[in-house]
């Protein structure tokens, strides 16, 4: 059964993507957390257009998927988990957790290094925060991220099924925690110990650098708490906070062609790690 699933990796990933995207998009309609500054028609064509552009470029320049790399590593006996004797379930569990830490560290790096921030800020420059923000990334960032994941899979020797589970979870939780949805405060308080919630991640999209330099987790919330980058709430509240970055705030900046050229325009500015402060609220 596992072999059949891995052989149909792209179908599985696409199926989960479409299902989760549809659920969150519909959920946003009756229960929005914030009033949108720009209509869906003003943002979604470009946000989804860059997703399609990313997918084509990855297939052209990096034809090997992370699952393929995992199978190659397994066959060659590469990587940490291929040297350890663990029950199958333990290898999968620890692999997913390890890959999540890699993505957390990658996210911090894209904020810390000015040239990388130029590409990552395309994600932050969205003027609203909804399910499409979770998939809005510059193609060069996607290619670099893919390279990092391929290297991590080879070094760690992650099982193929663990890679597929991680990729599905990462994609699904990214759309969930970028969703413009309202969760009961009591539920959010409990959930954010298990998974990154929309209220937790929305802080990261604040225009205020010290807030944008917090809550880097995409899937598991533990790394932010353990490594000191957790911030509970935005200073101006979720309804009052401003989403985005200061440099690119016109409607024209939301068009696909300007999103693609954005890393090559303007200065680096106050990329978040230069303005981080500790959060007294914990």
Protein backbone atom coordinates (compact mmCIF):
# COMPACT_ATOMS: atom_id res chain seq x y z
CA UNK A 1 0.00 0.00 0.00
CA UNK A 2 2.82 2.41 0.89
CA UNK A 3 4.48 1.75 -2.46
CA UNK A 4 1.24 2.51 -4.31
CA UNK A 5 0.86 5.79 -2.41
CA UNK A 6 4.45 6.84 -3.16
CA UNK A 7 4.05 5.97 -6.83
CA UNK A 8 1.10 8.38 -6.95
CA UNK A 9 2.80 11.10 -4.89
CA UNK A 10 1.78 14.01 -7.12
CA UNK A 11 -1.86 12.90 -7.23
CA UNK A 12 -1.94 12.55 -3.44
CA UNK A 13 -0.38 15.96 -2.87
CA UNK A 14 -2.62 17.68 -5.41
CA UNK A 15 -5.71 16.03 -3.96
CA UNK A 16 -4.91 17.19 -0.43
CA UNK A 17 -4.03 20.67 -1.69
CA UNK A 18 -7.34 21.12 -3.49
CA UNK A 19 -9.35 19.67 -0.60
CA UNK A 20 -7.73 21.80 2.12
CA UNK A 21 -7.73 24.94 -0.03
CA UNK A 22 -11.45 24.53 -0.75
CA UNK A 23 -12.30 23.93 2.92
CA UNK A 24 -10.38 26.98 4.17
CA UNK A 25 -11.63 29.22 1.33
CA UNK A 26 -15.24 28.31 2.13
CA UNK A 27 -14.63 28.61 5.89
CA UNK A 28 -13.39 32.18 5.40
CA UNK A 29 -16.70 33.34 3.93
CA UNK A 30 -19.04 33.07 6.95
CA UNK A 31 -16.39 33.41 9.70
CA UNK A 32 -13.69 35.93 8.68
CA UNK A 33 -11.30 37.04 11.42
CA UNK A 34 -10.61 40.39 9.74
CA UNK A 35 -12.22 42.62 7.15
CA UNK A 36 -10.21 42.39 3.93
CA UNK A 37 -8.58 45.53 2.56
CA UNK A 38 -8.68 44.19 -1.02
CA UNK A 39 -11.29 41.94 -2.61
CA UNK A 40 -10.49 38.37 -3.53
CA UNK A 41 -10.68 39.35 -7.18
CA UNK A 42 -8.00 41.95 -6.53
CA UNK A 43 -5.55 39.45 -5.02
CA UNK A 44 -6.39 35.84 -5.80
CA UNK A 45 -5.59 35.75 -9.56
CA UNK A 46 -2.00 36.85 -8.89
CA UNK A 47 -1.56 34.81 -5.70
CA UNK A 48 -2.76 31.65 -7.43
CA UNK A 49 -0.95 32.59 -10.64
CA UNK A 50 2.40 32.61 -8.86
CA UNK A 51 1.59 29.14 -7.46
CA UNK A 52 1.17 27.80 -10.99
CA UNK A 53 4.35 29.57 -12.10
CA UNK A 54 6.24 28.05 -9.15
CA UNK A 55 5.00 24.55 -9.95
CA UNK A 56 6.14 24.75 -13.57
CA UNK A 57 9.59 26.06 -12.68
CA UNK A 58 10.16 23.36 -10.07
CA UNK A 59 9.22 20.63 -12.55
CA UNK A 60 11.60 22.13 -15.14
CA UNK A 61 14.63 22.87 -12.95
CA UNK A 62 14.29 20.25 -10.17
CA UNK A 63 12.54 17.20 -11.65
CA UNK A 64 13.46 14.99 -8.65
CA UNK A 65 10.93 15.29 -5.82
CA UNK A 66 11.77 15.01 -2.13
CA UNK A 67 10.13 11.57 -2.10
CA UNK A 68 12.39 10.49 -4.97
CA UNK A 69 15.41 11.71 -3.01
CA UNK A 70 14.23 9.76 0.05
CA UNK A 71 14.00 6.55 -1.99
CA UNK A 72 17.47 7.14 -3.48
CA UNK A 73 18.90 7.74 0.01
CA UNK A 74 17.23 4.59 1.32
CA UNK A 75 18.63 2.50 -1.52
CA UNK A 76 22.11 3.91 -0.98
CA UNK A 77 21.96 3.71 2.81
CA UNK A 78 22.52 7.47 3.14
CA UNK A 79 21.58 9.59 6.10
CA UNK A 80 20.96 9.36 9.82
CA UNK A 81 17.73 7.39 9.93
CA UNK A 82 19.09 4.80 7.51
CA UNK A 83 21.83 4.08 10.08
CA UNK A 84 19.47 3.71 13.04
CA UNK A 85 17.37 0.71 13.94
CA UNK A 86 13.93 2.12 14.74
CA UNK A 87 10.36 0.86 14.46
CA UNK A 88 8.76 2.15 11.29
CA UNK A 89 6.35 4.42 13.13
CA UNK A 90 9.16 5.98 15.18
CA UNK A 91 11.28 6.66 12.09
CA UNK A 92 8.32 8.39 10.44
CA UNK A 93 7.43 10.42 13.54
CA UNK A 94 10.98 11.61 14.27
CA UNK A 95 11.57 12.33 10.58
CA UNK A 96 8.51 14.59 10.35
CA UNK A 97 9.59 16.46 13.49
CA UNK A 98 13.17 16.83 12.21
CA UNK A 99 12.01 18.15 8.84
CA UNK A 100 9.74 20.63 10.57
CA UNK A 101 12.73 21.99 12.50
CA UNK A 102 14.62 22.34 9.21
CA UNK A 103 11.78 24.43 7.76
CA UNK A 104 11.65 26.59 10.90
CA UNK A 105 15.40 27.28 10.63
CA UNK A 106 15.07 27.92 6.90
CA UNK A 107 12.33 30.46 7.60
CA UNK A 108 14.50 32.27 10.15
CA UNK A 109 17.38 32.30 7.64
CA UNK A 110 15.18 33.88 4.96
CA UNK A 111 14.45 36.70 7.40
CA UNK A 112 18.04 37.07 8.62
CA UNK A 113 19.96 37.19 5.33
CA UNK A 114 19.19 40.37 3.33
CA UNK A 115 19.38 38.79 -0.15
CA UNK A 116 17.08 35.96 0.95
CA UNK A 117 14.68 38.42 2.58
CA UNK A 118 14.29 40.16 -0.81
CA UNK A 119 12.67 36.98 -2.15
CA UNK A 120 10.78 36.05 1.01
CA UNK A 121 9.24 39.51 1.38
CA UNK A 122 7.02 38.72 -1.63
CA UNK A 123 5.14 36.45 0.77
CA UNK A 124 4.92 39.21 3.40
CA UNK A 125 3.92 41.96 0.97
CA UNK A 126 0.36 40.66 0.62
CA UNK A 127 -1.98 43.37 1.89
CA UNK A 128 -4.39 40.84 3.37
CA UNK A 129 -3.97 37.53 5.15
CA UNK A 130 -5.93 34.56 3.87
CA UNK A 131 -5.59 31.06 2.45
CA UNK A 132 -3.87 32.29 -0.73
CA UNK A 133 -1.21 34.11 1.30
CA UNK A 134 -0.11 30.67 2.49
CA UNK A 135 0.89 29.65 -1.03
CA UNK A 136 2.18 33.02 -2.29
CA UNK A 137 5.97 32.62 -2.63
CA UNK A 138 8.47 33.92 -5.16
CA UNK A 139 9.68 31.14 -7.51
CA UNK A 140 13.33 31.67 -6.57
CA UNK A 141 12.44 31.14 -2.91
CA UNK A 142 10.57 27.97 -3.87
CA UNK A 143 13.59 26.66 -5.81
CA UNK A 144 15.96 27.46 -2.93
CA UNK A 145 13.58 25.86 -0.43
CA UNK A 146 13.34 22.76 -2.60
CA UNK A 147 17.12 22.50 -2.67
CA UNK A 148 17.28 22.78 1.13
CA UNK A 149 14.62 20.09 1.56
CA UNK A 150 16.37 17.74 -0.87
CA UNK A 151 19.62 18.15 1.06
CA UNK A 152 17.86 17.65 4.41
CA UNK A 153 16.14 14.47 3.20
CA UNK A 154 19.47 13.05 1.98
CA UNK A 155 21.38 13.96 5.16
CA UNK A 156 18.67 12.72 7.50
CA UNK A 157 17.83 9.60 5.48
CA UNK A 158 14.11 10.21 5.89
CA UNK A 159 11.74 7.39 4.81
CA UNK A 160 9.77 8.15 1.65
CA UNK A 161 6.38 7.89 3.34
CA UNK A 162 7.55 10.32 6.06
CA UNK A 163 8.55 12.84 3.39
CA UNK A 164 5.14 12.58 1.73
CA UNK A 165 3.34 12.97 5.07
CA UNK A 166 5.48 15.99 5.89
CA UNK A 167 4.92 17.67 2.52
CA UNK A 168 1.14 17.17 2.78
CA UNK A 169 1.10 18.46 6.38
CA UNK A 170 3.30 21.45 5.58
CA UNK A 171 1.10 22.48 2.68
CA UNK A 172 -2.13 21.94 4.59
CA UNK A 173 -1.05 23.70 7.77
CA UNK A 174 0.34 26.63 5.78
CA UNK A 175 -3.08 27.19 4.23
CA UNK A 176 -4.79 26.67 7.60
CA UNK A 177 -2.59 29.05 9.59
CA UNK A 178 -2.87 31.73 6.92
CA UNK A 179 -6.65 31.39 6.80
CA UNK A 180 -8.77 34.43 7.54
CA UNK A 181 -10.86 32.36 9.93
CA UNK A 182 -12.08 32.92 13.46
CA UNK A 183 -11.46 30.27 16.10
CA UNK A 184 -12.96 30.50 19.61
CA UNK A 185 -10.29 32.00 21.87
CA UNK A 186 -10.35 29.02 24.25
CA UNK A 187 -9.85 26.61 21.36
CA UNK A 188 -7.05 28.71 19.90
CA UNK A 189 -5.31 28.81 23.29
CA UNK A 190 -5.21 25.01 23.39
CA UNK A 191 -4.53 24.39 19.70
CA UNK A 192 -1.48 26.66 19.57
CA UNK A 193 0.36 24.19 21.80
CA UNK A 194 -0.13 21.52 19.12
CA UNK A 195 -0.21 23.33 15.78
CA UNK A 196 0.39 26.86 14.52
CA UNK A 197 -3.01 28.59 14.47
CA UNK A 198 -4.11 31.50 12.26
CA UNK A 199 -4.02 33.94 15.19
CA UNK A 200 -0.51 32.80 16.11
CA UNK A 201 0.89 33.11 12.60
CA UNK A 202 -0.95 36.34 11.75
CA UNK A 203 1.37 38.12 14.20
CA UNK A 204 4.25 37.16 11.90
CA UNK A 205 2.63 39.11 9.06
CA UNK A 206 2.46 42.37 11.00
CA UNK A 207 3.96 45.50 9.44
CA UNK A 208 5.83 46.03 12.73
CA UNK A 209 9.31 44.43 12.37
CA UNK A 210 9.54 43.10 15.94
CA UNK A 211 6.24 41.25 15.40
CA UNK A 212 7.11 40.07 11.90
CA UNK A 213 10.25 38.59 13.42
CA UNK A 214 8.22 36.26 15.63
CA UNK A 215 6.25 33.03 15.20
CA UNK A 216 8.28 31.51 12.38
CA UNK A 217 6.73 28.05 12.68
CA UNK A 218 4.55 26.76 9.84
CA UNK A 219 3.42 23.47 11.32
CA UNK A 220 4.62 22.77 14.86
CA UNK A 221 4.58 25.68 17.35
CA UNK A 222 7.23 24.25 19.65
CA UNK A 223 10.31 25.73 17.97
CA UNK A 224 9.16 29.31 18.54
CA UNK A 225 8.55 28.63 22.22
CA UNK A 226 11.81 26.73 22.70
CA UNK A 227 14.01 29.13 20.74
CA UNK A 228 12.58 32.42 21.98
CA UNK A 229 10.74 33.64 18.88
CA UNK A 230 7.20 33.21 20.20
CA UNK A 231 4.91 36.25 20.48
CA UNK A 232 1.41 35.66 21.80
CA UNK A 233 -0.57 38.54 20.28
CA UNK A 234 -0.06 41.63 18.08
CA UNK A 235 0.17 44.91 19.97
CA UNK A 236 -2.73 46.45 18.04
CA UNK A 237 -4.98 43.38 18.19
CA UNK A 238 -5.91 41.16 15.28
CA UNK A 239 -8.53 43.53 13.89
CA UNK A 240 -6.39 46.64 14.34
CA UNK A 241 -3.00 45.37 13.17
CA UNK A 242 -1.69 46.26 9.71
CA UNK A 243 -0.73 43.35 7.44
CA UNK A 244 2.22 43.54 5.04
CA UNK A 245 5.45 45.53 4.77
CA UNK A 246 5.95 49.25 4.41
CA UNK A 247 7.59 49.33 0.99
CA UNK A 248 4.99 47.72 -1.25
CA UNK A 249 1.46 48.82 -0.42
CA UNK A 250 -0.19 49.83 -3.69
CA UNK A 251 -2.76 47.78 -5.61
CA UNK A 252 -0.26 47.59 -8.47
CA UNK A 253 2.15 45.74 -6.16
CA UNK A 254 -0.40 42.92 -6.01
CA UNK A 255 -0.14 42.17 -9.73
CA UNK A 256 1.77 39.07 -10.74
CA UNK A 257 4.43 40.83 -12.83
CA UNK A 258 5.30 43.19 -9.97
CA UNK A 259 5.36 40.31 -7.50
CA UNK A 260 7.92 38.55 -9.70
CA UNK A 261 10.08 41.67 -10.07
CA UNK A 262 9.72 42.83 -6.45
CA UNK A 263 12.97 41.25 -5.14
CA UNK A 264 14.91 43.35 -7.64
CA UNK A 265 13.23 46.64 -6.72
CA UNK A 266 13.65 48.90 -3.72
CA UNK A 267 16.04 48.46 -0.82
CA UNK A 268 16.20 45.73 1.77
CA UNK A 269 14.68 47.99 4.41
CA UNK A 270 14.12 46.91 7.99
CA UNK A 271 14.04 43.20 7.33
CA UNK A 272 12.58 41.70 10.49
CA UNK A 273 15.61 40.29 12.30
CA UNK A 274 17.14 43.76 12.47
CA UNK A 275 14.22 44.97 14.55
CA UNK A 276 13.42 42.10 16.85
CA UNK A 277 12.61 42.76 20.49
CA UNK A 278 11.74 40.29 23.22
CA UNK A 279 8.08 39.82 24.02
CA UNK A 280 7.36 40.65 27.65
CA UNK A 281 4.02 38.84 27.48
CA UNK A 282 5.72 35.48 26.74
